Amino acid sequence: MKIVRLHTRLPVVSPKKITPSLVRALKVSGKTTYVALHANHPRELTQAVRAACARIVDAGIPMVSQSVLLKGVNDDARRWKR
């Protein structure tokens, strides 16, 4: 199986850079591409970030997320519930 995994904060730090041409480039012929978003706090998930992620997902690219637990920043599950 041929898999490409990309771990990134780009949608968070610069959602405008998730352009249609970048999304097309992520789709590698003959391979399955996964994008893992690194977000540290729910406040980072703005409408612009959500739209950037939607561009990726709407193109058929599976997207997951992961976070580093930071004491006092995102180490309480209640912060992540919306």
N, C-alpha and C. Protein backbone atom coordinates (compact mmCIF):
# COMPACT_ATOMS: atom_id res chain seq x y z
N MET A 1 0.83 -1.18 0.00
CA MET A 1 0.00 0.00 0.00
C MET A 1 0.89 1.25 0.00
N LYS A 2 0.49 2.21 -0.75
CA LYS A 2 1.28 3.43 -0.83
C LYS A 2 0.49 4.57 -0.19
N ILE A 3 1.03 5.07 0.91
CA ILE A 3 0.35 6.11 1.68
C ILE A 3 1.28 7.31 1.84
N VAL A 4 0.70 8.50 1.68
CA VAL A 4 1.41 9.75 1.96
C VAL A 4 0.72 10.39 3.15
N ARG A 5 1.48 10.63 4.22
CA ARG A 5 0.93 11.31 5.40
C ARG A 5 1.61 12.66 5.53
N LEU A 6 0.79 13.69 5.66
CA LEU A 6 1.31 15.05 5.82
C LEU A 6 0.79 15.59 7.14
N HIS A 7 1.69 15.91 8.06
CA HIS A 7 1.32 16.52 9.34
C HIS A 7 1.65 17.99 9.23
N THR A 8 0.67 18.85 9.56
CA THR A 8 0.87 20.27 9.30
C THR A 8 0.04 21.16 10.22
N ARG A 9 0.52 22.38 10.37
CA ARG A 9 -0.24 23.45 11.04
C ARG A 9 -0.64 24.52 10.02
N LEU A 10 -0.33 24.30 8.77
CA LEU A 10 -0.59 25.32 7.74
C LEU A 10 -2.03 25.83 7.75
N PRO A 11 -3.05 24.98 7.83
CA PRO A 11 -4.41 25.53 7.84
C PRO A 11 -4.66 26.47 9.02
N VAL A 12 -3.95 26.25 10.14
CA VAL A 12 -4.11 27.10 11.32
C VAL A 12 -3.37 28.42 11.15
N VAL A 13 -2.12 28.35 10.71
CA VAL A 13 -1.31 29.57 10.65
C VAL A 13 -1.54 30.39 9.39
N SER A 14 -2.00 29.74 8.33
CA SER A 14 -2.23 30.48 7.08
C SER A 14 -3.29 29.77 6.23
N PRO A 15 -4.55 29.83 6.66
CA PRO A 15 -5.59 29.08 5.96
C PRO A 15 -5.75 29.47 4.49
N LYS A 16 -5.39 30.69 4.12
CA LYS A 16 -5.51 31.12 2.73
C LYS A 16 -4.57 30.36 1.81
N LYS A 17 -3.54 29.76 2.38
CA LYS A 17 -2.58 29.01 1.56
C LYS A 17 -3.11 27.63 1.16
N ILE A 18 -4.25 27.23 1.72
CA ILE A 18 -4.87 25.97 1.32
C ILE A 18 -5.74 26.29 0.11
N THR A 19 -5.06 26.42 -1.02
CA THR A 19 -5.71 26.80 -2.28
C THR A 19 -6.15 25.56 -3.04
N PRO A 20 -7.04 25.74 -4.01
CA PRO A 20 -7.42 24.60 -4.84
C PRO A 20 -6.21 23.93 -5.50
N SER A 21 -5.24 24.71 -5.93
CA SER A 21 -4.07 24.09 -6.58
C SER A 21 -3.23 23.30 -5.57
N LEU A 22 -3.12 23.77 -4.33
CA LEU A 22 -2.39 23.00 -3.32
C LEU A 22 -3.13 21.70 -3.01
N VAL A 23 -4.44 21.79 -2.91
CA VAL A 23 -5.23 20.58 -2.63
C VAL A 23 -5.08 19.57 -3.77
N ARG A 24 -5.09 20.05 -5.01
CA ARG A 24 -4.88 19.14 -6.15
C ARG A 24 -3.50 18.49 -6.07
N ALA A 25 -2.50 19.25 -5.65
CA ALA A 25 -1.14 18.72 -5.55
C ALA A 25 -1.03 17.66 -4.46
N LEU A 26 -1.88 17.73 -3.45
CA LEU A 26 -1.85 16.74 -2.38
C LEU A 26 -2.35 15.38 -2.84
N LYS A 27 -3.15 15.37 -3.88
CA LYS A 27 -3.69 14.12 -4.39
C LYS A 27 -2.67 13.49 -5.34
N VAL A 28 -1.93 12.52 -4.83
CA VAL A 28 -0.88 11.87 -5.59
C VAL A 28 -1.46 10.63 -6.26
N SER A 29 -1.32 10.54 -7.56
CA SER A 29 -1.85 9.40 -8.31
C SER A 29 -1.28 8.09 -7.80
N GLY A 30 -2.16 7.14 -7.54
CA GLY A 30 -1.72 5.82 -7.11
C GLY A 30 -1.40 5.73 -5.62
N LYS A 31 -1.61 6.80 -4.88
CA LYS A 31 -1.33 6.80 -3.46
C LYS A 31 -2.53 7.37 -2.70
N THR A 32 -2.63 6.99 -1.45
CA THR A 32 -3.64 7.56 -0.57
C THR A 32 -2.96 8.61 0.29
N THR A 33 -3.50 9.82 0.28
CA THR A 33 -2.94 10.91 1.06
C THR A 33 -3.81 11.16 2.27
N TYR A 34 -3.16 11.31 3.43
CA TYR A 34 -3.83 11.69 4.67
C TYR A 34 -3.20 13.00 5.14
N VAL A 35 -4.02 13.90 5.64
CA VAL A 35 -3.52 15.14 6.22
C VAL A 35 -3.86 15.14 7.70
N ALA A 36 -2.86 15.36 8.54
CA ALA A 36 -3.06 15.44 9.98
C ALA A 36 -2.85 16.89 10.40
N LEU A 37 -3.91 17.49 10.91
CA LEU A 37 -3.85 18.87 11.38
C LEU A 37 -3.33 18.89 12.81
N HIS A 38 -2.39 19.76 13.08
CA HIS A 38 -1.90 19.95 14.44
C HIS A 38 -2.52 21.24 14.97
N ALA A 39 -3.42 21.10 15.92
CA ALA A 39 -4.07 22.25 16.56
C ALA A 39 -3.84 22.14 18.06
N ASN A 40 -3.57 23.27 18.69
CA ASN A 40 -3.24 23.26 20.11
C ASN A 40 -4.38 23.73 21.01
N HIS A 41 -5.36 24.41 20.44
CA HIS A 41 -6.46 24.93 21.25
C HIS A 41 -7.67 25.15 20.35
N PRO A 42 -8.87 24.94 20.87
CA PRO A 42 -10.05 25.12 20.03
C PRO A 42 -10.19 26.53 19.46
N ARG A 43 -9.63 27.52 20.13
CA ARG A 43 -9.69 28.90 19.59
C ARG A 43 -8.99 29.01 18.25
N GLU A 44 -8.07 28.09 17.98
CA GLU A 44 -7.38 28.10 16.69
C GLU A 44 -8.30 27.69 15.54
N LEU A 45 -9.40 27.02 15.85
CA LEU A 45 -10.28 26.48 14.82
C LEU A 45 -11.30 27.53 14.38
N THR A 46 -10.81 28.61 13.81
CA THR A 46 -11.65 29.71 13.34
C THR A 46 -12.43 29.28 12.09
N GLN A 47 -13.34 30.14 11.66
CA GLN A 47 -14.10 29.85 10.45
C GLN A 47 -13.15 29.69 9.24
N ALA A 48 -12.11 30.51 9.17
CA ALA A 48 -11.16 30.41 8.05
C ALA A 48 -10.43 29.07 8.08
N VAL A 49 -10.06 28.63 9.28
CA VAL A 49 -9.37 27.34 9.42
C VAL A 49 -10.32 26.21 9.04
N ARG A 50 -11.57 26.29 9.50
CA ARG A 50 -12.55 25.27 9.16
C ARG A 50 -12.80 25.21 7.66
N ALA A 51 -12.82 26.37 7.02
CA ALA A 51 -13.02 26.41 5.56
C ALA A 51 -11.83 25.78 4.84
N ALA A 52 -10.62 26.06 5.33
CA ALA A 52 -9.41 25.47 4.73
C ALA A 52 -9.44 23.95 4.86
N CYS A 53 -9.83 23.47 6.04
CA CYS A 53 -9.94 22.02 6.25
C CYS A 53 -11.02 21.42 5.36
N ALA A 54 -12.12 22.15 5.19
CA ALA A 54 -13.20 21.66 4.33
C ALA A 54 -12.73 21.51 2.89
N ARG A 55 -11.86 22.41 2.44
CA ARG A 55 -11.34 22.29 1.07
C ARG A 55 -10.57 20.98 0.91
N ILE A 56 -9.85 20.61 1.93
CA ILE A 56 -9.08 19.36 1.88
C ILE A 56 -10.03 18.16 1.91
N VAL A 57 -10.95 18.16 2.86
CA VAL A 57 -11.87 17.04 3.02
C VAL A 57 -12.80 16.91 1.81
N ASP A 58 -13.28 18.04 1.31
CA ASP A 58 -14.18 18.00 0.16
C ASP A 58 -13.50 17.44 -1.09
N ALA A 59 -12.17 17.48 -1.12
CA ALA A 59 -11.42 16.91 -2.24
C ALA A 59 -11.24 15.41 -2.08
N GLY A 60 -11.78 14.85 -0.99
CA GLY A 60 -11.68 13.41 -0.77
C GLY A 60 -10.43 12.98 -0.02
N ILE A 61 -9.73 13.93 0.58
CA ILE A 61 -8.51 13.61 1.32
C ILE A 61 -8.90 13.43 2.79
N PRO A 62 -8.66 12.24 3.34
CA PRO A 62 -8.98 12.04 4.76
C PRO A 62 -8.15 12.96 5.64
N MET A 63 -8.79 13.53 6.65
CA MET A 63 -8.11 14.45 7.54
C MET A 63 -8.34 14.04 8.98
N VAL A 64 -7.27 14.02 9.74
CA VAL A 64 -7.32 13.74 11.17
C VAL A 64 -6.64 14.91 11.88
N SER A 65 -6.68 14.90 13.20
CA SER A 65 -5.97 15.95 13.93
C SER A 65 -5.29 15.35 15.14
N GLN A 66 -4.31 16.07 15.61
CA GLN A 66 -3.65 15.69 16.85
C GLN A 66 -3.17 16.95 17.53
N SER A 67 -3.00 16.84 18.82
CA SER A 67 -2.57 17.99 19.62
C SER A 67 -1.53 17.53 20.63
N VAL A 68 -0.62 18.41 20.91
CA VAL A 68 0.31 18.22 22.01
C VAL A 68 -0.38 18.79 23.23
N LEU A 69 -0.43 18.03 24.32
CA LEU A 69 -1.06 18.55 25.53
C LEU A 69 -0.12 19.54 26.19
N LEU A 70 -0.63 20.75 26.38
CA LEU A 70 0.15 21.83 26.98
C LEU A 70 -0.50 22.22 28.30
N LYS A 71 0.23 22.09 29.39
CA LYS A 71 -0.31 22.36 30.72
C LYS A 71 -0.88 23.78 30.80
N GLY A 72 -2.13 23.86 31.21
CA GLY A 72 -2.78 25.16 31.36
C GLY A 72 -3.31 25.75 30.07
N VAL A 73 -3.03 25.11 28.95
CA VAL A 73 -3.49 25.61 27.65
C VAL A 73 -4.60 24.73 27.11
N ASN A 74 -4.33 23.44 27.01
CA ASN A 74 -5.30 22.52 26.40
C ASN A 74 -5.36 21.16 27.10
N ASP A 75 -4.99 21.14 28.38
CA ASP A 75 -4.93 19.87 29.09
C ASP A 75 -6.22 19.53 29.84
N ASP A 76 -7.29 20.23 29.54
CA ASP A 76 -8.58 19.99 30.17
C ASP A 76 -9.59 19.65 29.07
N ALA A 77 -10.19 18.47 29.16
CA ALA A 77 -11.13 18.01 28.10
C ALA A 77 -12.27 19.00 27.89
N ARG A 78 -12.66 19.73 28.93
CA ARG A 78 -13.76 20.69 28.78
C ARG A 78 -13.41 21.78 27.76
N ARG A 79 -12.14 22.10 27.58
CA ARG A 79 -11.74 23.12 26.60
C ARG A 79 -12.04 22.68 25.17
N TRP A 80 -12.02 21.35 24.95
CA TRP A 80 -12.19 20.83 23.60
C TRP A 80 -13.63 20.55 23.23
N LYS A 81 -14.53 20.57 24.20
CA LYS A 81 -15.94 20.29 23.91
C LYS A 81 -16.61 21.56 23.42
N ARG A 82 -17.36 21.42 22.34
CA ARG A 82 -18.11 22.56 21.79
C ARG A 82 -19.48 22.11 21.42
